[in-house]
N, C-alpha and C. Protein backbone atom coordinates (compact mmCIF):
# COMPACT_ATOMS: atom_id res chain seq x y z
N MET A 1 15.32 -48.42 0.68
CA MET A 1 15.73 -49.63 0.01
C MET A 1 17.07 -49.39 -0.67
N TYR A 2 17.83 -50.45 -0.76
CA TYR A 2 19.14 -50.35 -1.38
C TYR A 2 19.53 -51.73 -1.90
N PHE A 3 20.55 -51.78 -2.72
CA PHE A 3 21.11 -53.07 -3.09
C PHE A 3 22.62 -52.92 -3.23
N SER A 4 23.31 -54.03 -3.04
CA SER A 4 24.75 -54.05 -3.22
C SER A 4 25.13 -55.36 -3.91
N TYR A 5 26.23 -55.31 -4.60
CA TYR A 5 26.73 -56.48 -5.31
C TYR A 5 28.15 -56.73 -4.90
N ASP A 6 28.44 -57.93 -4.41
CA ASP A 6 29.78 -58.33 -4.01
C ASP A 6 30.39 -59.11 -5.17
N LEU A 7 31.34 -58.49 -5.83
CA LEU A 7 31.97 -59.08 -7.01
C LEU A 7 32.70 -60.38 -6.67
N GLN A 8 33.42 -60.40 -5.57
CA GLN A 8 34.19 -61.60 -5.18
C GLN A 8 33.27 -62.80 -4.92
N ALA A 9 32.16 -62.56 -4.23
CA ALA A 9 31.24 -63.64 -3.88
C ALA A 9 30.19 -63.88 -4.95
N ASP A 10 30.11 -62.98 -5.93
CA ASP A 10 29.05 -63.01 -6.94
C ASP A 10 27.70 -63.10 -6.25
N ALA A 11 27.49 -62.14 -5.33
CA ALA A 11 26.27 -62.13 -4.51
C ALA A 11 25.62 -60.75 -4.55
N LEU A 12 24.33 -60.75 -4.75
CA LEU A 12 23.53 -59.54 -4.75
C LEU A 12 22.72 -59.51 -3.46
N TYR A 13 22.71 -58.35 -2.78
CA TYR A 13 21.86 -58.19 -1.60
C TYR A 13 20.93 -57.01 -1.84
N VAL A 14 19.64 -57.26 -1.65
CA VAL A 14 18.63 -56.21 -1.76
C VAL A 14 18.09 -55.99 -0.36
N GLY A 15 18.32 -54.78 0.17
CA GLY A 15 17.85 -54.45 1.51
C GLY A 15 16.56 -53.64 1.43
N PHE A 16 15.55 -54.09 2.14
CA PHE A 16 14.26 -53.40 2.13
C PHE A 16 14.06 -52.52 3.35
N ALA A 17 14.72 -52.85 4.46
CA ALA A 17 14.54 -52.09 5.70
C ALA A 17 15.84 -52.13 6.50
N PRO A 18 16.17 -51.02 7.16
CA PRO A 18 17.39 -50.99 7.97
C PRO A 18 17.15 -51.66 9.33
N ALA A 19 17.00 -52.95 9.31
CA ALA A 19 16.73 -53.71 10.54
C ALA A 19 17.68 -54.89 10.62
N ILE A 20 17.78 -55.45 11.79
CA ILE A 20 18.62 -56.63 12.00
C ILE A 20 17.76 -57.87 11.77
N ALA A 21 18.30 -58.80 11.01
CA ALA A 21 17.57 -60.02 10.69
C ALA A 21 17.42 -60.89 11.94
N ALA A 22 16.19 -61.30 12.20
CA ALA A 22 15.92 -62.23 13.28
C ALA A 22 16.13 -63.67 12.80
N GLU A 23 15.84 -63.89 11.51
CA GLU A 23 15.99 -65.20 10.89
C GLU A 23 16.37 -65.03 9.43
N THR A 24 17.02 -66.05 8.90
CA THR A 24 17.29 -66.12 7.47
C THR A 24 16.67 -67.40 6.96
N HIS A 25 15.80 -67.26 5.96
CA HIS A 25 15.13 -68.42 5.36
C HIS A 25 15.81 -68.77 4.05
N VAL A 26 16.07 -70.05 3.86
CA VAL A 26 16.69 -70.54 2.63
C VAL A 26 15.58 -70.92 1.66
N ILE A 27 15.51 -70.22 0.54
CA ILE A 27 14.51 -70.50 -0.48
C ILE A 27 15.01 -71.60 -1.43
N ASP A 28 16.24 -71.46 -1.85
CA ASP A 28 16.94 -72.51 -2.58
C ASP A 28 18.42 -72.36 -2.23
N GLU A 29 19.28 -73.14 -2.82
CA GLU A 29 20.68 -73.12 -2.39
C GLU A 29 21.40 -71.80 -2.65
N GLY A 30 20.81 -70.92 -3.43
CA GLY A 30 21.45 -69.63 -3.69
C GLY A 30 20.57 -68.43 -3.41
N THR A 31 19.45 -68.64 -2.73
CA THR A 31 18.54 -67.53 -2.45
C THR A 31 18.15 -67.55 -0.99
N LEU A 32 18.46 -66.46 -0.29
CA LEU A 32 18.20 -66.35 1.14
C LEU A 32 17.35 -65.12 1.40
N VAL A 33 16.40 -65.25 2.32
CA VAL A 33 15.53 -64.14 2.68
C VAL A 33 15.71 -63.83 4.16
N ASP A 34 16.05 -62.58 4.47
CA ASP A 34 16.16 -62.14 5.86
C ASP A 34 14.82 -61.57 6.30
N VAL A 35 14.37 -61.96 7.49
CA VAL A 35 13.12 -61.44 8.03
C VAL A 35 13.38 -60.87 9.42
N ASP A 36 12.53 -59.93 9.83
CA ASP A 36 12.64 -59.36 11.18
C ASP A 36 11.90 -60.24 12.17
N ASP A 37 11.81 -59.81 13.42
CA ASP A 37 11.17 -60.63 14.45
C ASP A 37 9.66 -60.76 14.26
N GLN A 38 9.07 -59.96 13.36
CA GLN A 38 7.65 -60.07 13.03
C GLN A 38 7.41 -60.94 11.79
N GLY A 39 8.50 -61.40 11.16
CA GLY A 39 8.39 -62.22 9.96
C GLY A 39 8.32 -61.43 8.67
N ALA A 40 8.51 -60.10 8.76
CA ALA A 40 8.48 -59.27 7.55
C ALA A 40 9.84 -59.34 6.85
N ILE A 41 9.80 -59.38 5.52
CA ILE A 41 11.04 -59.45 4.75
C ILE A 41 11.80 -58.13 4.87
N ILE A 42 13.09 -58.24 5.21
CA ILE A 42 13.92 -57.04 5.30
C ILE A 42 15.08 -57.07 4.31
N GLY A 43 15.32 -58.25 3.73
CA GLY A 43 16.41 -58.33 2.77
C GLY A 43 16.38 -59.64 2.00
N LEU A 44 17.04 -59.62 0.86
CA LEU A 44 17.08 -60.76 -0.04
C LEU A 44 18.50 -60.88 -0.57
N GLU A 45 19.10 -62.06 -0.42
CA GLU A 45 20.44 -62.29 -0.96
C GLU A 45 20.36 -63.37 -2.03
N VAL A 46 21.00 -63.08 -3.17
CA VAL A 46 21.01 -64.03 -4.27
C VAL A 46 22.46 -64.28 -4.68
N ILE A 47 22.87 -65.52 -4.53
CA ILE A 47 24.19 -65.94 -4.98
C ILE A 47 24.07 -66.29 -6.46
N ASN A 48 25.03 -65.84 -7.25
CA ASN A 48 25.00 -66.03 -8.70
C ASN A 48 23.70 -65.44 -9.26
N PRO A 49 23.55 -64.12 -9.18
CA PRO A 49 22.30 -63.49 -9.58
C PRO A 49 22.00 -63.53 -11.07
N THR A 50 22.88 -64.08 -11.88
CA THR A 50 22.61 -64.18 -13.31
C THR A 50 21.67 -65.35 -13.62
N ARG A 51 21.49 -66.23 -12.67
CA ARG A 51 20.57 -67.36 -12.86
C ARG A 51 19.13 -66.88 -12.63
N GLN A 52 18.18 -67.70 -12.98
CA GLN A 52 16.79 -67.37 -12.71
C GLN A 52 16.51 -67.54 -11.21
N TRP A 53 15.90 -66.54 -10.61
CA TRP A 53 15.61 -66.57 -9.18
C TRP A 53 14.22 -67.13 -8.94
N PRO A 54 13.96 -67.69 -7.77
CA PRO A 54 12.62 -68.17 -7.44
C PRO A 54 11.74 -67.00 -6.94
N PHE A 55 11.62 -65.97 -7.78
CA PHE A 55 10.92 -64.75 -7.38
C PHE A 55 9.44 -65.00 -7.08
N ASP A 56 8.78 -65.81 -7.90
CA ASP A 56 7.37 -66.12 -7.65
C ASP A 56 7.18 -66.79 -6.30
N GLN A 57 8.08 -67.68 -5.98
CA GLN A 57 8.03 -68.39 -4.69
C GLN A 57 8.20 -67.39 -3.53
N ILE A 58 9.10 -66.43 -3.69
CA ILE A 58 9.31 -65.41 -2.66
C ILE A 58 8.05 -64.57 -2.50
N CYS A 59 7.45 -64.16 -3.61
CA CYS A 59 6.24 -63.34 -3.57
C CYS A 59 5.07 -64.08 -2.93
N GLU A 60 4.99 -65.38 -3.13
CA GLU A 60 3.92 -66.17 -2.54
C GLU A 60 4.07 -66.28 -1.02
N LYS A 61 5.31 -66.36 -0.57
CA LYS A 61 5.57 -66.60 0.86
C LYS A 61 5.66 -65.32 1.69
N TYR A 62 6.10 -64.21 1.07
CA TYR A 62 6.33 -62.97 1.80
C TYR A 62 5.53 -61.83 1.18
N SER A 63 5.15 -60.90 2.01
CA SER A 63 4.42 -59.72 1.52
C SER A 63 5.42 -58.65 1.11
N LEU A 64 5.50 -58.39 -0.17
CA LEU A 64 6.35 -57.32 -0.68
C LEU A 64 5.46 -56.17 -1.11
N THR A 65 5.91 -54.97 -0.83
CA THR A 65 5.17 -53.79 -1.29
C THR A 65 5.36 -53.68 -2.81
N THR A 66 4.57 -52.87 -3.42
CA THR A 66 4.70 -52.64 -4.86
C THR A 66 6.09 -52.11 -5.18
N GLU A 67 6.59 -51.20 -4.37
CA GLU A 67 7.92 -50.63 -4.59
C GLU A 67 9.02 -51.69 -4.46
N GLN A 68 8.91 -52.55 -3.46
CA GLN A 68 9.89 -53.63 -3.28
C GLN A 68 9.85 -54.58 -4.48
N ARG A 69 8.66 -54.93 -4.88
CA ARG A 69 8.49 -55.85 -6.00
C ARG A 69 9.09 -55.26 -7.28
N GLN A 70 8.85 -53.97 -7.53
CA GLN A 70 9.38 -53.33 -8.73
C GLN A 70 10.90 -53.30 -8.73
N LEU A 71 11.49 -53.01 -7.56
CA LEU A 71 12.95 -53.00 -7.48
C LEU A 71 13.52 -54.37 -7.80
N VAL A 72 12.97 -55.40 -7.19
CA VAL A 72 13.47 -56.75 -7.44
C VAL A 72 13.26 -57.15 -8.89
N GLU A 73 12.11 -56.81 -9.46
CA GLU A 73 11.86 -57.16 -10.86
C GLU A 73 12.87 -56.50 -11.79
N MET A 74 13.31 -55.29 -11.47
CA MET A 74 14.32 -54.62 -12.30
C MET A 74 15.68 -55.31 -12.21
N LEU A 75 15.93 -55.98 -11.09
CA LEU A 75 17.22 -56.64 -10.89
C LEU A 75 17.24 -58.07 -11.39
N LEU A 76 16.07 -58.63 -11.66
CA LEU A 76 16.00 -60.00 -12.18
C LEU A 76 16.74 -60.09 -13.51
N PRO A 77 17.43 -61.19 -13.75
CA PRO A 77 18.10 -61.33 -15.04
C PRO A 77 17.08 -61.42 -16.16
N PRO A 78 17.45 -60.95 -17.35
CA PRO A 78 16.52 -61.01 -18.48
C PRO A 78 16.14 -62.45 -18.79
N GLN A 79 14.88 -62.66 -19.12
CA GLN A 79 14.41 -64.01 -19.43
C GLN A 79 14.16 -64.22 -20.91
N ALA A 80 13.87 -63.17 -21.61
CA ALA A 80 13.47 -63.29 -23.01
C ALA A 80 14.60 -63.83 -23.89
N GLU A 81 15.81 -63.36 -23.64
CA GLU A 81 16.93 -63.78 -24.47
C GLU A 81 18.01 -64.39 -23.60
N PRO A 82 18.06 -65.72 -23.53
CA PRO A 82 19.10 -66.34 -22.72
C PRO A 82 20.49 -65.92 -23.20
N VAL A 83 21.35 -65.64 -22.26
CA VAL A 83 22.71 -65.20 -22.59
C VAL A 83 23.66 -66.34 -22.29
N PRO A 84 24.56 -66.65 -23.22
CA PRO A 84 25.52 -67.72 -22.97
C PRO A 84 26.29 -67.47 -21.68
N GLU A 85 26.53 -68.52 -20.93
CA GLU A 85 27.21 -68.41 -19.63
C GLU A 85 28.56 -67.69 -19.76
N THR A 86 29.24 -67.86 -20.89
CA THR A 86 30.54 -67.22 -21.06
C THR A 86 30.43 -65.70 -21.07
N LEU A 87 29.27 -65.17 -21.44
CA LEU A 87 29.10 -63.72 -21.42
C LEU A 87 28.82 -63.20 -20.02
N TRP A 88 28.25 -64.04 -19.17
CA TRP A 88 27.91 -63.60 -17.82
C TRP A 88 29.11 -63.59 -16.90
N THR A 89 30.00 -64.53 -17.06
CA THR A 89 31.07 -64.68 -16.09
C THR A 89 32.43 -64.44 -16.73
N SER A 90 33.27 -63.76 -16.01
CA SER A 90 34.65 -63.56 -16.45
C SER A 90 35.54 -63.73 -15.23
N SER A 91 36.83 -63.64 -15.41
CA SER A 91 37.74 -63.80 -14.28
C SER A 91 37.60 -62.67 -13.27
N THR A 92 37.04 -61.55 -13.67
CA THR A 92 36.86 -60.43 -12.73
C THR A 92 35.43 -60.33 -12.22
N GLY A 93 34.59 -61.27 -12.56
CA GLY A 93 33.23 -61.26 -12.05
C GLY A 93 32.19 -61.28 -13.14
N SER A 94 31.03 -60.87 -12.80
CA SER A 94 29.88 -60.98 -13.68
C SER A 94 29.72 -59.71 -14.51
N VAL A 95 30.35 -59.67 -15.67
CA VAL A 95 30.39 -58.49 -16.51
C VAL A 95 29.00 -58.10 -17.01
N ALA A 96 28.28 -59.07 -17.56
CA ALA A 96 26.95 -58.75 -18.08
C ALA A 96 26.00 -58.34 -16.96
N PHE A 97 26.17 -58.91 -15.78
CA PHE A 97 25.30 -58.52 -14.67
C PHE A 97 25.54 -57.05 -14.33
N HIS A 98 26.77 -56.60 -14.38
CA HIS A 98 27.06 -55.18 -14.14
C HIS A 98 26.34 -54.30 -15.16
N ARG A 99 26.34 -54.73 -16.41
CA ARG A 99 25.61 -53.97 -17.44
C ARG A 99 24.11 -53.96 -17.13
N HIS A 100 23.60 -55.11 -16.74
CA HIS A 100 22.18 -55.22 -16.40
C HIS A 100 21.83 -54.29 -15.23
N ILE A 101 22.66 -54.26 -14.21
CA ILE A 101 22.44 -53.39 -13.05
C ILE A 101 22.49 -51.92 -13.49
N GLY A 102 23.42 -51.58 -14.36
CA GLY A 102 23.50 -50.21 -14.86
C GLY A 102 22.23 -49.79 -15.57
N ARG A 103 21.70 -50.67 -16.40
CA ARG A 103 20.43 -50.37 -17.08
C ARG A 103 19.29 -50.24 -16.07
N SER A 104 19.29 -51.10 -15.05
CA SER A 104 18.23 -51.05 -14.02
C SER A 104 18.30 -49.73 -13.26
N LEU A 105 19.50 -49.29 -12.93
CA LEU A 105 19.65 -48.02 -12.22
C LEU A 105 19.16 -46.86 -13.08
N ALA A 106 19.46 -46.91 -14.36
CA ALA A 106 19.01 -45.83 -15.25
C ALA A 106 17.47 -45.79 -15.30
N ARG A 107 16.83 -46.96 -15.33
CA ARG A 107 15.37 -47.01 -15.34
C ARG A 107 14.81 -46.47 -14.03
N LEU A 108 15.48 -46.78 -12.91
CA LEU A 108 15.02 -46.26 -11.61
C LEU A 108 15.11 -44.74 -11.56
N GLN A 109 16.18 -44.19 -12.12
CA GLN A 109 16.35 -42.74 -12.12
C GLN A 109 15.34 -42.06 -13.02
N ASP A 110 14.97 -42.72 -14.12
CA ASP A 110 13.99 -42.14 -15.04
C ASP A 110 12.57 -42.21 -14.50
N ALA A 111 12.33 -43.13 -13.58
CA ALA A 111 10.96 -43.34 -13.03
C ALA A 111 10.56 -42.21 -12.10
C-alpha cells in the first residue's frame, strides 16, 4: 500500500494493490474508487482531501481489509476540530494537509 499527494491538483491517491484499474467508480464529485476486473478496490483518489470524505459509503460498498481501513482512517481530515478554510489552503497548496499527512506517517512508523 502507498499514497501520494499531488500538490498542483490538490489530490490524494491511496493505492492498495499494484494493479491496473478495470473501472473507476465515482462516489461523489471529488472521490473516485479504482477497482480491478474482479471488482476489488485497488485505489482511492480524493480531490481536495481536506474536506470530509464519504468513507462510510466506501466501506459499505467495497471490502477493505483492516490494514487498508486503518491507513485511510489515518489520512482522513480531523473531524473533532474544524479548521478554517484559510488554514487549509494557500497559494502553494494545502499546508495543513501536509502537516496532517506528516502526523499520520509518524503514527504509521510508531505502529
